[in-house]
Amino acid sequence: MVWWSLLVGRICRSRLVVIRIELGEIEAQVLTGHPLVREAVVTAPGDRHHRRLVGYVQPGPDAPDEPTLTANVLEHLRQRLPAYMIPTSSSCFRPSR
């Protein structure tokens, strides 16, 4: 598995606060802990100052519809990760056959 890192910075009372986000850690939390997900990918699109986290999941065979699964996965992550590591949006993808 490829581990990606993202450094997020913000200015807080004239100090620069930098947070390191391991995208692979977010993916691992979904893959190892959620029974309805087959695969997961987290990306950080945007330019250097305006990045956001976006998650993509491939549903497993017993997964519910997309809105239900997406909400379920985000809640699963909220229970295990700090708020700054939760994707701001997510989507399901199904591989073409």
C-alpha atoms as a PDB file:
ATOM      1  CA  MET A   1       0.000   0.000   0.000  1.00  0.00           C
ATOM      2  CA  VAL A   2       1.253   3.457  -0.856  1.00  0.00           C
ATOM      3  CA  TRP A   3       1.232   5.920   2.041  1.00  0.00           C
ATOM      4  CA  TRP A   4       0.555   9.532   1.130  1.00  0.00           C
ATOM      5  CA  SER A   5       1.165  12.479   3.400  1.00  0.00           C
ATOM      6  CA  LEU A   6      -0.444  15.874   3.403  1.00  0.00           C
ATOM      7  CA  LEU A   7       0.674  18.847   5.440  1.00  0.00           C
ATOM      8  CA  VAL A   8      -2.146  21.198   6.345  1.00  0.00           C
ATOM      9  CA  GLY A   9      -1.253  24.605   7.693  1.00  0.00           C
ATOM     10  CA  ARG A  10      -3.279  27.440   9.146  1.00  0.00           C
ATOM     11  CA  ILE A  11      -2.453  30.638  10.949  1.00  0.00           C
ATOM     12  CA  CYS A  12      -3.604  30.701  14.548  1.00  0.00           C
ATOM     13  CA  ARG A  13      -2.959  33.927  16.505  1.00  0.00           C
ATOM     14  CA  SER A  14       0.066  34.838  14.414  1.00  0.00           C
ATOM     15  CA  ARG A  15       1.492  31.321  14.609  1.00  0.00           C
ATOM     16  CA  LEU A  16       1.546  28.795  11.847  1.00  0.00           C
ATOM     17  CA  VAL A  17      -0.027  25.524  12.923  1.00  0.00           C
ATOM     18  CA  VAL A  18       0.927  22.554  10.746  1.00  0.00           C
ATOM     19  CA  ILE A  19      -0.863  19.243  10.925  1.00  0.00           C
ATOM     20  CA  ARG A  20       0.422  16.183   9.125  1.00  0.00           C
ATOM     21  CA  ILE A  21      -2.261  13.928   7.710  1.00  0.00           C
ATOM     22  CA  GLU A  22      -1.419  10.415   6.576  1.00  0.00           C
ATOM     23  CA  LEU A  23      -3.908   9.595   3.833  1.00  0.00           C
ATOM     24  CA  GLY A  24      -3.017   5.925   4.129  1.00  0.00           C
ATOM     25  CA  GLU A  25      -4.034   5.950   7.795  1.00  0.00           C
ATOM     26  CA  ILE A  26      -7.516   7.154   6.859  1.00  0.00           C
ATOM     27  CA  GLU A  27      -7.760   4.451   4.186  1.00  0.00           C
ATOM     28  CA  ALA A  28      -6.557   1.810   6.637  1.00  0.00           C
ATOM     29  CA  GLN A  29      -9.191   2.799   9.211  1.00  0.00           C
ATOM     30  CA  VAL A  30     -11.921   2.268   6.625  1.00  0.00           C
ATOM     31  CA  LEU A  31     -10.491  -0.951   5.219  1.00  0.00           C
ATOM     32  CA  THR A  32      -9.632  -2.669   8.464  1.00  0.00           C
ATOM     33  CA  GLY A  33     -12.660  -1.628  10.406  1.00  0.00           C
ATOM     34  CA  HIS A  34     -15.662  -1.435   8.111  1.00  0.00           C
ATOM     35  CA  PRO A  35     -17.260  -4.708   7.002  1.00  0.00           C
ATOM     36  CA  LEU A  36     -19.221  -3.188   4.085  1.00  0.00           C
ATOM     37  CA  VAL A  37     -16.204  -1.677   2.288  1.00  0.00           C
ATOM     38  CA  ARG A  38     -14.032  -3.644  -0.117  1.00  0.00           C
ATOM     39  CA  GLU A  39     -11.506  -0.900  -0.960  1.00  0.00           C
ATOM     40  CA  ALA A  40     -10.962   2.764  -0.098  1.00  0.00           C
ATOM     41  CA  VAL A  41      -8.915   5.660  -1.454  1.00  0.00           C
ATOM     42  CA  VAL A  42      -8.473   9.114   0.064  1.00  0.00           C
ATOM     43  CA  THR A  43      -7.167  12.025  -2.017  1.00  0.00           C
ATOM     44  CA  ALA A  44      -6.360  15.656  -1.285  1.00  0.00           C
ATOM     45  CA  PRO A  45      -7.222  17.632  -4.436  1.00  0.00           C
ATOM     46  CA  GLY A  46      -6.725  21.355  -4.714  1.00  0.00           C
ATOM     47  CA  ASP A  47      -3.798  23.708  -4.765  1.00  0.00           C
ATOM     48  CA  ARG A  48      -1.272  24.128  -1.979  1.00  0.00           C
ATOM     49  CA  HIS A  49      -3.437  26.467   0.116  1.00  0.00           C
ATOM     50  CA  HIS A  50      -6.893  25.065  -0.593  1.00  0.00           C
ATOM     51  CA  ARG A  51      -6.764  21.312  -0.176  1.00  0.00           C
ATOM     52  CA  ARG A  52      -9.569  19.166   1.121  1.00  0.00           C
ATOM     53  CA  LEU A  53      -9.897  15.471   1.830  1.00  0.00           C
ATOM     54  CA  VAL A  54     -12.091  13.397  -0.459  1.00  0.00           C
ATOM     55  CA  GLY A  55     -12.793   9.723   0.169  1.00  0.00           C
ATOM     56  CA  TYR A  56     -13.852   7.064  -2.321  1.00  0.00           C
ATOM     57  CA  VAL A  57     -15.063   3.625  -1.281  1.00  0.00           C
ATOM     58  CA  GLN A  58     -15.810   0.494  -3.237  1.00  0.00           C
ATOM     59  CA  PRO A  59     -18.789  -1.206  -1.609  1.00  0.00           C
ATOM     60  CA  GLY A  60     -18.605  -4.829  -0.588  1.00  0.00           C
ATOM     61  CA  PRO A  61     -21.176  -7.360  -1.806  1.00  0.00           C
ATOM     62  CA  ASP A  62     -23.608  -6.768   1.089  1.00  0.00           C
ATOM     63  CA  ALA A  63     -23.378  -2.952   1.111  1.00  0.00           C
ATOM     64  CA  PRO A  64     -26.550  -0.828   1.229  1.00  0.00           C
ATOM     65  CA  ASP A  65     -27.307   1.990  -1.219  1.00  0.00           C
ATOM     66  CA  GLU A  66     -24.713   4.738  -1.727  1.00  0.00           C
ATOM     67  CA  PRO A  67     -26.130   7.460   0.584  1.00  0.00           C
ATOM     68  CA  THR A  68     -26.540   4.991   3.449  1.00  0.00           C
ATOM     69  CA  LEU A  69     -23.073   3.505   2.984  1.00  0.00           C
ATOM     70  CA  THR A  70     -21.427   6.938   2.700  1.00  0.00           C
ATOM     71  CA  ALA A  71     -23.070   8.143   5.917  1.00  0.00           C
ATOM     72  CA  ASN A  72     -22.142   4.900   7.651  1.00  0.00           C
ATOM     73  CA  VAL A  73     -18.476   5.135   6.590  1.00  0.00           C
ATOM     74  CA  LEU A  74     -18.171   8.792   7.663  1.00  0.00           C
ATOM     75  CA  GLU A  75     -19.665   7.969  11.076  1.00  0.00           C
ATOM     76  CA  HIS A  76     -17.237   5.036  11.361  1.00  0.00           C
ATOM     77  CA  LEU A  77     -14.313   7.425  10.716  1.00  0.00           C
ATOM     78  CA  ARG A  78     -15.622  10.049  13.162  1.00  0.00           C
ATOM     79  CA  GLN A  79     -15.472   7.448  15.926  1.00  0.00           C
ATOM     80  CA  ARG A  80     -11.842   6.580  15.173  1.00  0.00           C
ATOM     81  CA  LEU A  81     -10.069   9.670  13.828  1.00  0.00           C
ATOM     82  CA  PRO A  82      -9.668  13.345  14.786  1.00  0.00           C
ATOM     83  CA  ALA A  83     -12.004  15.770  13.004  1.00  0.00           C
ATOM     84  CA  TYR A  84      -9.270  17.190  10.748  1.00  0.00           C
ATOM     85  CA  MET A  85      -8.755  13.715   9.226  1.00  0.00           C
ATOM     86  CA  ILE A  86     -12.382  13.173   8.201  1.00  0.00           C
ATOM     87  CA  PRO A  87     -12.974  13.622   4.441  1.00  0.00           C
ATOM     88  CA  THR A  88     -15.175  16.616   3.625  1.00  0.00           C
ATOM     89  CA  SER A  89     -16.892  14.601   0.924  1.00  0.00           C
ATOM     90  CA  SER A  90     -17.020  10.981  -0.096  1.00  0.00           C
ATOM     91  CA  SER A  91     -18.411   8.881  -2.886  1.00  0.00           C
ATOM     92  CA  CYS A  92     -18.901   5.231  -3.783  1.00  0.00           C
ATOM     93  CA  PHE A  93     -17.368   3.752  -6.901  1.00  0.00           C
ATOM     94  CA  ARG A  94     -18.131   0.478  -8.561  1.00  0.00           C
ATOM     95  CA  PRO A  95     -15.562  -0.990 -10.951  1.00  0.00           C
ATOM     96  CA  SER A  96     -16.643  -1.440 -14.572  1.00  0.00           C
ATOM     97  CA  ARG A  97     -17.047  -5.017 -15.627  1.00  0.00           C
END
